[in-house]
Amino acid sequence: MASYLWRKYADYVYNKWERTFLWDMLEPYRRPKSFTPLVTIYVAAFYTGVIGAAITEQLYKEKYWEDHPGEAVPLMKPKFYGGPWKVLKGDVLPPSE
């Protein structure tokens, strides 16, 4: 019985190596994996950020108009960027409180 089990195990190991060798030879001819799921996730994340920024800016404008009715709304300070930034067109923001 023990020799039978050893023979079965040896056949399994040899066939496993043979299968691996066969698939390694076929690997260069396989179809490349699709980038569609990755691109879909990136596009969804981008547009989620765009919509989030638009909502944040609209809320900022509404709050400013409540406090200062009839005035022009100054540019909104960037939320996640603390470094220097240049205003090309528009008013310079007041200093942070």
PDB file of N, CA and C in Angstrom:
ATOM      1  N   MET A   1       0.817  -1.193   0.000  1.00  0.00           N
ATOM      2  CA  MET A   1       0.000   0.000   0.000  1.00  0.00           C
ATOM      3  C   MET A   1       0.858   1.254   0.000  1.00  0.00           C
ATOM      4  N   ALA A   2       1.952   1.223   0.779  1.00  0.00           N
ATOM      5  CA  ALA A   2       2.801   2.410   0.861  1.00  0.00           C
ATOM      6  C   ALA A   2       3.454   2.687  -0.492  1.00  0.00           C
ATOM      7  N   SER A   3       3.909   1.618  -1.185  1.00  0.00           N
ATOM      8  CA  SER A   3       4.555   1.845  -2.479  1.00  0.00           C
ATOM      9  C   SER A   3       3.532   2.374  -3.497  1.00  0.00           C
ATOM     10  N   TYR A   4       2.289   1.959  -3.395  1.00  0.00           N
ATOM     11  CA  TYR A   4       1.245   2.457  -4.285  1.00  0.00           C
ATOM     12  C   TYR A   4       1.049   3.964  -4.071  1.00  0.00           C
ATOM     13  N   LEU A   5       0.991   4.368  -2.790  1.00  0.00           N
ATOM     14  CA  LEU A   5       0.814   5.792  -2.488  1.00  0.00           C
ATOM     15  C   LEU A   5       2.008   6.615  -2.980  1.00  0.00           C
ATOM     16  N   TRP A   6       3.230   6.073  -2.788  1.00  0.00           N
ATOM     17  CA  TRP A   6       4.417   6.798  -3.254  1.00  0.00           C
ATOM     18  C   TRP A   6       4.390   6.935  -4.773  1.00  0.00           C
ATOM     19  N   ARG A   7       3.970   5.875  -5.468  1.00  0.00           N
ATOM     20  CA  ARG A   7       3.896   5.925  -6.933  1.00  0.00           C
ATOM     21  C   ARG A   7       2.869   6.964  -7.376  1.00  0.00           C
ATOM     22  N   LYS A   8       1.693   7.013  -6.714  1.00  0.00           N
ATOM     23  CA  LYS A   8       0.669   8.003  -7.043  1.00  0.00           C
ATOM     24  C   LYS A   8       1.182   9.427  -6.787  1.00  0.00           C
ATOM     25  N   TYR A   9       1.903   9.592  -5.668  1.00  0.00           N
ATOM     26  CA  TYR A   9       2.452  10.908  -5.351  1.00  0.00           C
ATOM     27  C   TYR A   9       3.496  11.320  -6.384  1.00  0.00           C
ATOM     28  N   ALA A  10       4.343  10.376  -6.800  1.00  0.00           N
ATOM     29  CA  ALA A  10       5.366  10.675  -7.806  1.00  0.00           C
ATOM     30  C   ALA A  10       4.703  11.038  -9.144  1.00  0.00           C
ATOM     31  N   ASP A  11       3.660  10.324  -9.518  1.00  0.00           N
ATOM     32  CA  ASP A  11       2.936  10.667 -10.750  1.00  0.00           C
ATOM     33  C   ASP A  11       2.329  12.066 -10.654  1.00  0.00           C
ATOM     34  N   TYR A  12       1.769  12.384  -9.499  1.00  0.00           N
ATOM     35  CA  TYR A  12       1.157  13.700  -9.305  1.00  0.00           C
ATOM     36  C   TYR A  12       2.207  14.803  -9.437  1.00  0.00           C
ATOM     37  N   VAL A  13       3.354  14.643  -8.775  1.00  0.00           N
ATOM     38  CA  VAL A  13       4.410  15.667  -8.825  1.00  0.00           C
ATOM     39  C   VAL A  13       4.934  15.809 -10.251  1.00  0.00           C
ATOM     40  N   TYR A  14       5.164  14.685 -10.944  1.00  0.00           N
ATOM     41  CA  TYR A  14       5.691  14.752 -12.302  1.00  0.00           C
ATOM     42  C   TYR A  14       4.684  15.418 -13.238  1.00  0.00           C
ATOM     43  N   ASN A  15       3.413  15.025 -13.130  1.00  0.00           N
ATOM     44  CA  ASN A  15       2.399  15.618 -13.999  1.00  0.00           C
ATOM     45  C   ASN A  15       2.207  17.103 -13.699  1.00  0.00           C
ATOM     46  N   LYS A  16       2.334  17.457 -12.422  1.00  0.00           N
ATOM     47  CA  LYS A  16       2.221  18.869 -12.047  1.00  0.00           C
ATOM     48  C   LYS A  16       3.338  19.664 -12.718  1.00  0.00           C
ATOM     49  N   TRP A  17       4.563  19.159 -12.689  1.00  0.00           N
ATOM     50  CA  TRP A  17       5.692  19.827 -13.334  1.00  0.00           C
ATOM     51  C   TRP A  17       5.477  19.907 -14.841  1.00  0.00           C
ATOM     52  N   GLU A  18       4.944  18.817 -15.414  1.00  0.00           N
ATOM     53  CA  GLU A  18       4.697  18.776 -16.851  1.00  0.00           C
ATOM     54  C   GLU A  18       3.642  19.816 -17.246  1.00  0.00           C
ATOM     55  N   ARG A  19       2.584  19.916 -16.463  1.00  0.00           N
ATOM     56  CA  ARG A  19       1.544  20.920 -16.743  1.00  0.00           C
ATOM     57  C   ARG A  19       2.112  22.325 -16.636  1.00  0.00           C
ATOM     58  N   THR A  20       2.901  22.582 -15.601  1.00  0.00           N
ATOM     59  CA  THR A  20       3.504  23.901 -15.430  1.00  0.00           C
ATOM     60  C   THR A  20       4.387  24.232 -16.622  1.00  0.00           C
ATOM     61  N   PHE A  21       5.179  23.281 -17.055  1.00  0.00           N
ATOM     62  CA  PHE A  21       6.076  23.503 -18.187  1.00  0.00           C
ATOM     63  C   PHE A  21       5.275  23.817 -19.448  1.00  0.00           C
ATOM     64  N   LEU A  22       4.186  23.080 -19.649  1.00  0.00           N
ATOM     65  CA  LEU A  22       3.340  23.298 -20.821  1.00  0.00           C
ATOM     66  C   LEU A  22       2.726  24.695 -20.803  1.00  0.00           C
ATOM     67  N   TRP A  23       2.151  25.101 -19.657  1.00  0.00           N
ATOM     68  CA  TRP A  23       1.510  26.423 -19.586  1.00  0.00           C
ATOM     69  C   TRP A  23       2.529  27.544 -19.685  1.00  0.00           C
ATOM     70  N   ASP A  24       3.741  27.336 -19.180  1.00  0.00           N
ATOM     71  CA  ASP A  24       4.793  28.354 -19.314  1.00  0.00           C
ATOM     72  C   ASP A  24       5.172  28.549 -20.777  1.00  0.00           C
ATOM     73  N   MET A  25       5.101  27.496 -21.571  1.00  0.00           N
ATOM     74  CA  MET A  25       5.411  27.630 -22.996  1.00  0.00           C
ATOM     75  C   MET A  25       4.293  28.385 -23.719  1.00  0.00           C
ATOM     76  N   LEU A  26       3.048  28.205 -23.278  1.00  0.00           N
ATOM     77  CA  LEU A  26       1.918  28.856 -23.937  1.00  0.00           C
ATOM     78  C   LEU A  26       1.684  30.299 -23.463  1.00  0.00           C
ATOM     79  N   GLU A  27       2.282  30.698 -22.364  1.00  0.00           N
ATOM     80  CA  GLU A  27       2.037  32.015 -21.770  1.00  0.00           C
ATOM     81  C   GLU A  27       2.233  33.182 -22.740  1.00  0.00           C
ATOM     82  N   PRO A  28       3.295  33.228 -23.555  1.00  0.00           N
ATOM     83  CA  PRO A  28       3.463  34.381 -24.451  1.00  0.00           C
ATOM     84  C   PRO A  28       2.354  34.523 -25.491  1.00  0.00           C
ATOM     85  N   TYR A  29       1.613  33.457 -25.757  1.00  0.00           N
ATOM     86  CA  TYR A  29       0.583  33.502 -26.795  1.00  0.00           C
ATOM     87  C   TYR A  29      -0.810  33.781 -26.238  1.00  0.00           C
ATOM     88  N   ARG A  30      -0.910  33.984 -24.944  1.00  0.00           N
ATOM     89  CA  ARG A  30      -2.217  34.261 -24.343  1.00  0.00           C
ATOM     90  C   ARG A  30      -2.650  35.685 -24.644  1.00  0.00           C
ATOM     91  N   ARG A  31      -3.965  35.884 -24.599  1.00  0.00           N
ATOM     92  CA  ARG A  31      -4.509  37.226 -24.771  1.00  0.00           C
ATOM     93  C   ARG A  31      -4.114  38.091 -23.579  1.00  0.00           C
ATOM     94  N   PRO A  32      -3.740  39.336 -23.781  1.00  0.00           N
ATOM     95  CA  PRO A  32      -3.400  40.171 -22.629  1.00  0.00           C
ATOM     96  C   PRO A  32      -4.630  40.454 -21.769  1.00  0.00           C
ATOM     97  N   LYS A  33      -4.398  40.695 -20.491  1.00  0.00           N
ATOM     98  CA  LYS A  33      -5.508  40.989 -19.588  1.00  0.00           C
ATOM     99  C   LYS A  33      -6.106  42.344 -19.950  1.00  0.00           C
ATOM    100  N   SER A  34      -7.382  42.481 -19.722  1.00  0.00           N
ATOM    101  CA  SER A  34      -8.101  43.699 -20.081  1.00  0.00           C
ATOM    102  C   SER A  34      -7.849  44.802 -19.061  1.00  0.00           C
ATOM    103  N   PHE A  35      -7.714  46.032 -19.545  1.00  0.00           N
ATOM    104  CA  PHE A  35      -7.564  47.188 -18.669  1.00  0.00           C
ATOM    105  C   PHE A  35      -8.909  47.867 -18.408  1.00  0.00           C
ATOM    106  N   THR A  36      -9.980  47.337 -18.954  1.00  0.00           N
ATOM    107  CA  THR A  36     -11.290  47.979 -18.838  1.00  0.00           C
ATOM    108  C   THR A  36     -11.726  48.177 -17.384  1.00  0.00           C
ATOM    109  N   PRO A  37     -11.606  47.188 -16.489  1.00  0.00           N
ATOM    110  CA  PRO A  37     -12.029  47.432 -15.102  1.00  0.00           C
ATOM    111  C   PRO A  37     -11.212  48.537 -14.437  1.00  0.00           C
ATOM    112  N   LEU A  38      -9.909  48.549 -14.677  1.00  0.00           N
ATOM    113  CA  LEU A  38      -9.056  49.566 -14.069  1.00  0.00           C
ATOM    114  C   LEU A  38      -9.405  50.948 -14.585  1.00  0.00           C
ATOM    115  N   VAL A  39      -9.591  51.079 -15.892  1.00  0.00           N
ATOM    116  CA  VAL A  39      -9.947  52.368 -16.487  1.00  0.00           C
ATOM    117  C   VAL A  39     -11.301  52.828 -15.965  1.00  0.00           C
ATOM    118  N   THR A  40     -12.243  51.914 -15.838  1.00  0.00           N
ATOM    119  CA  THR A  40     -13.569  52.263 -15.327  1.00  0.00           C
ATOM    120  C   THR A  40     -13.481  52.806 -13.907  1.00  0.00           C
ATOM    121  N   ILE A  41     -12.677  52.174 -13.078  1.00  0.00           N
ATOM    122  CA  ILE A  41     -12.519  52.637 -11.693  1.00  0.00           C
ATOM    123  C   ILE A  41     -11.879  54.023 -11.670  1.00  0.00           C
ATOM    124  N   TYR A  42     -10.844  54.251 -12.483  1.00  0.00           N
ATOM    125  CA  TYR A  42     -10.177  55.557 -12.522  1.00  0.00           C
ATOM    126  C   TYR A  42     -11.123  56.647 -13.005  1.00  0.00           C
ATOM    127  N   VAL A  43     -11.919  56.358 -14.029  1.00  0.00           N
ATOM    128  CA  VAL A  43     -12.860  57.361 -14.550  1.00  0.00           C
ATOM    129  C   VAL A  43     -13.912  57.677 -13.494  1.00  0.00           C
ATOM    130  N   ALA A  44     -14.436  56.647 -12.830  1.00  0.00           N
ATOM    131  CA  ALA A  44     -15.436  56.866 -11.785  1.00  0.00           C
ATOM    132  C   ALA A  44     -14.852  57.690 -10.639  1.00  0.00           C
ATOM    133  N   ALA A  45     -13.623  57.402 -10.244  1.00  0.00           N
ATOM    134  CA  ALA A  45     -12.987  58.158  -9.159  1.00  0.00           C
ATOM    135  C   ALA A  45     -12.775  59.614  -9.569  1.00  0.00           C
ATOM    136  N   PHE A  46     -12.366  59.840 -10.806  1.00  0.00           N
ATOM    137  CA  PHE A  46     -12.141  61.207 -11.281  1.00  0.00           C
ATOM    138  C   PHE A  46     -13.432  62.012 -11.239  1.00  0.00           C
ATOM    139  N   TYR A  47     -14.500  61.451 -11.800  1.00  0.00           N
ATOM    140  CA  TYR A  47     -15.755  62.192 -11.839  1.00  0.00           C
ATOM    141  C   TYR A  47     -16.380  62.339 -10.458  1.00  0.00           C
ATOM    142  N   THR A  48     -16.133  61.401  -9.556  1.00  0.00           N
ATOM    143  CA  THR A  48     -16.572  61.564  -8.175  1.00  0.00           C
ATOM    144  C   THR A  48     -15.892  62.773  -7.552  1.00  0.00           C
ATOM    145  N   GLY A  49     -14.592  62.924  -7.810  1.00  0.00           N
ATOM    146  CA  GLY A  49     -13.861  64.086  -7.308  1.00  0.00           C
ATOM    147  C   GLY A  49     -14.355  65.388  -7.904  1.00  0.00           C
ATOM    148  N   VAL A  50     -14.649  65.369  -9.210  1.00  0.00           N
ATOM    149  CA  VAL A  50     -15.147  66.585  -9.874  1.00  0.00           C
ATOM    150  C   VAL A  50     -16.493  66.997  -9.279  1.00  0.00           C
ATOM    151  N   ILE A  51     -17.396  66.038  -9.102  1.00  0.00           N
ATOM    152  CA  ILE A  51     -18.712  66.346  -8.534  1.00  0.00           C
ATOM    153  C   ILE A  51     -18.572  66.817  -7.086  1.00  0.00           C
ATOM    154  N   GLY A  52     -17.695  66.172  -6.337  1.00  0.00           N
ATOM    155  CA  GLY A  52     -17.457  66.592  -4.946  1.00  0.00           C
ATOM    156  C   GLY A  52     -16.922  68.015  -4.858  1.00  0.00           C
ATOM    157  N   ALA A  53     -15.992  68.368  -5.766  1.00  0.00           N
ATOM    158  CA  ALA A  53     -15.450  69.730  -5.767  1.00  0.00           C
ATOM    159  C   ALA A  53     -16.519  70.745  -6.137  1.00  0.00           C
ATOM    160  N   ALA A  54     -17.381  70.417  -7.095  1.00  0.00           N
ATOM    161  CA  ALA A  54     -18.447  71.333  -7.501  1.00  0.00           C
ATOM    162  C   ALA A  54     -19.434  71.558  -6.352  1.00  0.00           C
ATOM    163  N   ILE A  55     -19.779  70.488  -5.644  1.00  0.00           N
ATOM    164  CA  ILE A  55     -20.705  70.626  -4.509  1.00  0.00           C
ATOM    165  C   ILE A  55     -20.064  71.464  -3.411  1.00  0.00           C
ATOM    166  N   THR A  56     -18.794  71.218  -3.120  1.00  0.00           N
ATOM    167  CA  THR A  56     -18.097  71.977  -2.084  1.00  0.00           C
ATOM    168  C   THR A  56     -18.046  73.455  -2.429  1.00  0.00           C
ATOM    169  N   GLU A  57     -17.736  73.761  -3.684  1.00  0.00           N
ATOM    170  CA  GLU A  57     -17.663  75.166  -4.089  1.00  0.00           C
ATOM    171  C   GLU A  57     -19.033  75.830  -4.026  1.00  0.00           C
ATOM    172  N   GLN A  58     -20.076  75.122  -4.410  1.00  0.00           N
ATOM    173  CA  GLN A  58     -21.423  75.693  -4.351  1.00  0.00           C
ATOM    174  C   GLN A  58     -21.835  75.971  -2.907  1.00  0.00           C
ATOM    175  N   LEU A  59     -21.523  75.050  -1.998  1.00  0.00           N
ATOM    176  CA  LEU A  59     -21.836  75.269  -0.588  1.00  0.00           C
ATOM    177  C   LEU A  59     -21.065  76.463  -0.040  1.00  0.00           C
ATOM    178  N   TYR A  60     -19.801  76.604  -0.468  1.00  0.00           N
ATOM    179  CA  TYR A  60     -18.982  77.744  -0.047  1.00  0.00           C
ATOM    180  C   TYR A  60     -19.618  79.048  -0.514  1.00  0.00           C
ATOM    181  N   LYS A  61     -20.065  79.095  -1.771  1.00  0.00           N
ATOM    182  CA  LYS A  61     -20.693  80.309  -2.314  1.00  0.00           C
ATOM    183  C   LYS A  61     -21.985  80.642  -1.568  1.00  0.00           C
ATOM    184  N   GLU A  62     -22.814  79.632  -1.314  1.00  0.00           N
ATOM    185  CA  GLU A  62     -24.071  79.887  -0.614  1.00  0.00           C
ATOM    186  C   GLU A  62     -23.826  80.417   0.789  1.00  0.00           C
ATOM    187  N   LYS A  63     -22.835  79.858   1.476  1.00  0.00           N
ATOM    188  CA  LYS A  63     -22.516  80.335   2.827  1.00  0.00           C
ATOM    189  C   LYS A  63     -22.002  81.759   2.770  1.00  0.00           C
ATOM    190  N   TYR A  64     -21.170  82.074   1.785  1.00  0.00           N
ATOM    191  CA  TYR A  64     -20.630  83.434   1.663  1.00  0.00           C
ATOM    192  C   TYR A  64     -21.751  84.427   1.362  1.00  0.00           C
ATOM    193  N   TRP A  65     -22.692  84.046   0.494  1.00  0.00           N
ATOM    194  CA  TRP A  65     -23.792  84.943   0.147  1.00  0.00           C
ATOM    195  C   TRP A  65     -24.719  85.184   1.336  1.00  0.00           C
ATOM    196  N   GLU A  66     -24.867  84.180   2.210  1.00  0.00           N
ATOM    197  CA  GLU A  66     -25.675  84.389   3.411  1.00  0.00           C
ATOM    198  C   GLU A  66     -25.045  85.442   4.309  1.00  0.00           C
ATOM    199  N   ASP A  67     -23.714  85.382   4.447  1.00  0.00           N
ATOM    200  CA  ASP A  67     -23.016  86.330   5.318  1.00  0.00           C
ATOM    201  C   ASP A  67     -22.806  87.683   4.650  1.00  0.00           C
ATOM    202  N   HIS A  68     -22.645  87.727   3.336  1.00  0.00           N
ATOM    203  CA  HIS A  68     -22.371  88.964   2.584  1.00  0.00           C
ATOM    204  C   HIS A  68     -23.306  89.048   1.382  1.00  0.00           C
ATOM    205  N   PRO A  69     -24.570  89.396   1.583  1.00  0.00           N
ATOM    206  CA  PRO A  69     -25.504  89.413   0.452  1.00  0.00           C
ATOM    207  C   PRO A  69     -25.152  90.495  -0.571  1.00  0.00           C
ATOM    208  N   GLY A  70     -25.245  90.131  -1.842  1.00  0.00           N
ATOM    209  CA  GLY A  70     -25.012  91.080  -2.927  1.00  0.00           C
ATOM    210  C   GLY A  70     -23.565  91.282  -3.311  1.00  0.00           C
ATOM    211  N   GLU A  71     -22.619  90.697  -2.580  1.00  0.00           N
ATOM    212  CA  GLU A  71     -21.192  90.878  -2.902  1.00  0.00           C
ATOM    213  C   GLU A  71     -20.715  89.756  -3.818  1.00  0.00           C
ATOM    214  N   ALA A  72     -19.625  90.052  -4.536  1.00  0.00           N
ATOM    215  CA  ALA A  72     -19.002  89.010  -5.372  1.00  0.00           C
ATOM    216  C   ALA A  72     -18.262  88.039  -4.459  1.00  0.00           C
ATOM    217  N   VAL A  73     -18.338  86.792  -4.798  1.00  0.00           N
ATOM    218  CA  VAL A  73     -17.709  85.751  -3.969  1.00  0.00           C
ATOM    219  C   VAL A  73     -16.236  85.641  -4.338  1.00  0.00           C
ATOM    220  N   PRO A  74     -15.316  85.763  -3.353  1.00  0.00           N
ATOM    221  CA  PRO A  74     -13.893  85.577  -3.678  1.00  0.00           C
ATOM    222  C   PRO A  74     -13.583  84.113  -3.963  1.00  0.00           C
ATOM    223  N   LEU A  75     -12.422  83.882  -4.532  1.00  0.00           N
ATOM    224  CA  LEU A  75     -12.008  82.507  -4.837  1.00  0.00           C
ATOM    225  C   LEU A  75     -11.914  81.681  -3.561  1.00  0.00           C
ATOM    226  N   MET A  76     -12.258  80.422  -3.682  1.00  0.00           N
ATOM    227  CA  MET A  76     -12.193  79.516  -2.538  1.00  0.00           C
ATOM    228  C   MET A  76     -10.764  79.029  -2.357  1.00  0.00           C
ATOM    229  N   LYS A  77     -10.311  79.050  -1.127  1.00  0.00           N
ATOM    230  CA  LYS A  77      -8.963  78.569  -0.822  1.00  0.00           C
ATOM    231  C   LYS A  77      -8.922  77.052  -1.013  1.00  0.00           C
ATOM    232  N   PRO A  78      -7.848  76.521  -1.582  1.00  0.00           N
ATOM    233  CA  PRO A  78      -7.762  75.063  -1.767  1.00  0.00           C
ATOM    234  C   PRO A  78      -7.834  74.322  -0.427  1.00  0.00           C
ATOM    235  N   LYS A  79      -8.601  73.220  -0.407  1.00  0.00           N
ATOM    236  CA  LYS A  79      -8.793  72.483   0.844  1.00  0.00           C
ATOM    237  C   LYS A  79      -7.593  71.600   1.203  1.00  0.00           C
ATOM    238  N   PHE A  80      -7.050  70.903   0.208  1.00  0.00           N
ATOM    239  CA  PHE A  80      -6.031  69.896   0.501  1.00  0.00           C
ATOM    240  C   PHE A  80      -4.650  70.310   0.027  1.00  0.00           C
ATOM    241  N   TYR A  81      -4.432  71.622  -0.171  1.00  0.00           N
ATOM    242  CA  TYR A  81      -3.117  72.093  -0.613  1.00  0.00           C
ATOM    243  C   TYR A  81      -2.755  73.308   0.208  1.00  0.00           C
ATOM    244  N   GLY A  82      -1.692  73.193   0.977  1.00  0.00           N
ATOM    245  CA  GLY A  82      -1.302  74.294   1.862  1.00  0.00           C
ATOM    246  C   GLY A  82      -0.162  75.126   1.334  1.00  0.00           C
ATOM    247  N   GLY A  83       0.406  74.758   0.195  1.00  0.00           N
ATOM    248  CA  GLY A  83       1.561  75.470  -0.329  1.00  0.00           C
ATOM    249  C   GLY A  83       1.187  76.751  -1.056  1.00  0.00           C
ATOM    250  N   PRO A  84       2.177  77.396  -1.663  1.00  0.00           N
ATOM    251  CA  PRO A  84       1.904  78.640  -2.381  1.00  0.00           C
ATOM    252  C   PRO A  84       1.126  78.376  -3.662  1.00  0.00           C
ATOM    253  N   TRP A  85       0.244  79.291  -4.009  1.00  0.00           N
ATOM    254  CA  TRP A  85      -0.499  79.173  -5.257  1.00  0.00           C
ATOM    255  C   TRP A  85      -0.784  80.557  -5.779  1.00  0.00           C
ATOM    256  N   LYS A  86      -0.809  80.662  -7.084  1.00  0.00           N
ATOM    257  CA  LYS A  86      -0.908  81.953  -7.753  1.00  0.00           C
ATOM    258  C   LYS A  86      -2.327  82.126  -8.298  1.00  0.00           C
ATOM    259  N   VAL A  87      -2.890  83.317  -8.081  1.00  0.00           N
ATOM    260  CA  VAL A  87      -4.207  83.619  -8.608  1.00  0.00           C
ATOM    261  C   VAL A  87      -4.011  84.362  -9.922  1.00  0.00           C
ATOM    262  N   LEU A  88      -4.433  83.753 -11.039  1.00  0.00           N
ATOM    263  CA  LEU A  88      -4.248  84.390 -12.341  1.00  0.00           C
ATOM    264  C   LEU A  88      -5.307  85.450 -12.602  1.00  0.00           C
ATOM    265  N   LYS A  89      -6.559  85.137 -12.327  1.00  0.00           N
ATOM    266  CA  LYS A  89      -7.646  86.099 -12.514  1.00  0.00           C
ATOM    267  C   LYS A  89      -8.547  86.023 -11.299  1.00  0.00           C
ATOM    268  N   GLY A  90      -8.908  87.146 -10.749  1.00  0.00           N
ATOM    269  CA  GLY A  90      -9.785  87.142  -9.588  1.00  0.00           C
ATOM    270  C   GLY A  90      -9.149  87.854  -8.423  1.00  0.00           C
ATOM    271  N   ASP A  91      -9.873  87.883  -7.323  1.00  0.00           N
ATOM    272  CA  ASP A  91      -9.403  88.586  -6.131  1.00  0.00           C
ATOM    273  C   ASP A  91      -8.454  87.714  -5.331  1.00  0.00           C
ATOM    274  N   VAL A  92      -7.539  88.353  -4.647  1.00  0.00           N
ATOM    275  CA  VAL A  92      -6.659  87.629  -3.727  1.00  0.00           C
ATOM    276  C   VAL A  92      -7.478  87.313  -2.478  1.00  0.00           C
ATOM    277  N   LEU A  93      -7.283  86.140  -1.955  1.00  0.00           N
ATOM    278  CA  LEU A  93      -8.077  85.712  -0.811  1.00  0.00           C
ATOM    279  C   LEU A  93      -7.606  86.407   0.464  1.00  0.00           C
ATOM    280  N   PRO A  94      -8.524  86.562   1.410  1.00  0.00           N
ATOM    281  CA  PRO A  94      -8.107  87.104   2.696  1.00  0.00           C
ATOM    282  C   PRO A  94      -7.260  86.059   3.436  1.00  0.00           C
ATOM    283  N   PRO A  95      -6.435  86.495   4.394  1.00  0.00           N
ATOM    284  CA  PRO A  95      -5.611  85.513   5.120  1.00  0.00           C
ATOM    285  C   PRO A  95      -6.481  84.533   5.899  1.00  0.00           C
ATOM    286  N   SER A  96      -5.934  83.365   6.150  1.00  0.00           N
ATOM    287  CA  SER A  96      -6.664  82.305   6.867  1.00  0.00           C
ATOM    288  C   SER A  96      -6.945  82.745   8.290  1.00  0.00           C
ATOM    289  N   GLU A  97      -8.105  82.337   8.782  1.00  0.00           N
ATOM    290  CA  GLU A  97      -8.450  82.668  10.173  1.00  0.00           C
ATOM    291  C   GLU A  97      -8.207  81.499  11.069  1.00  0.00           C
TER     292      GLU A  97
END
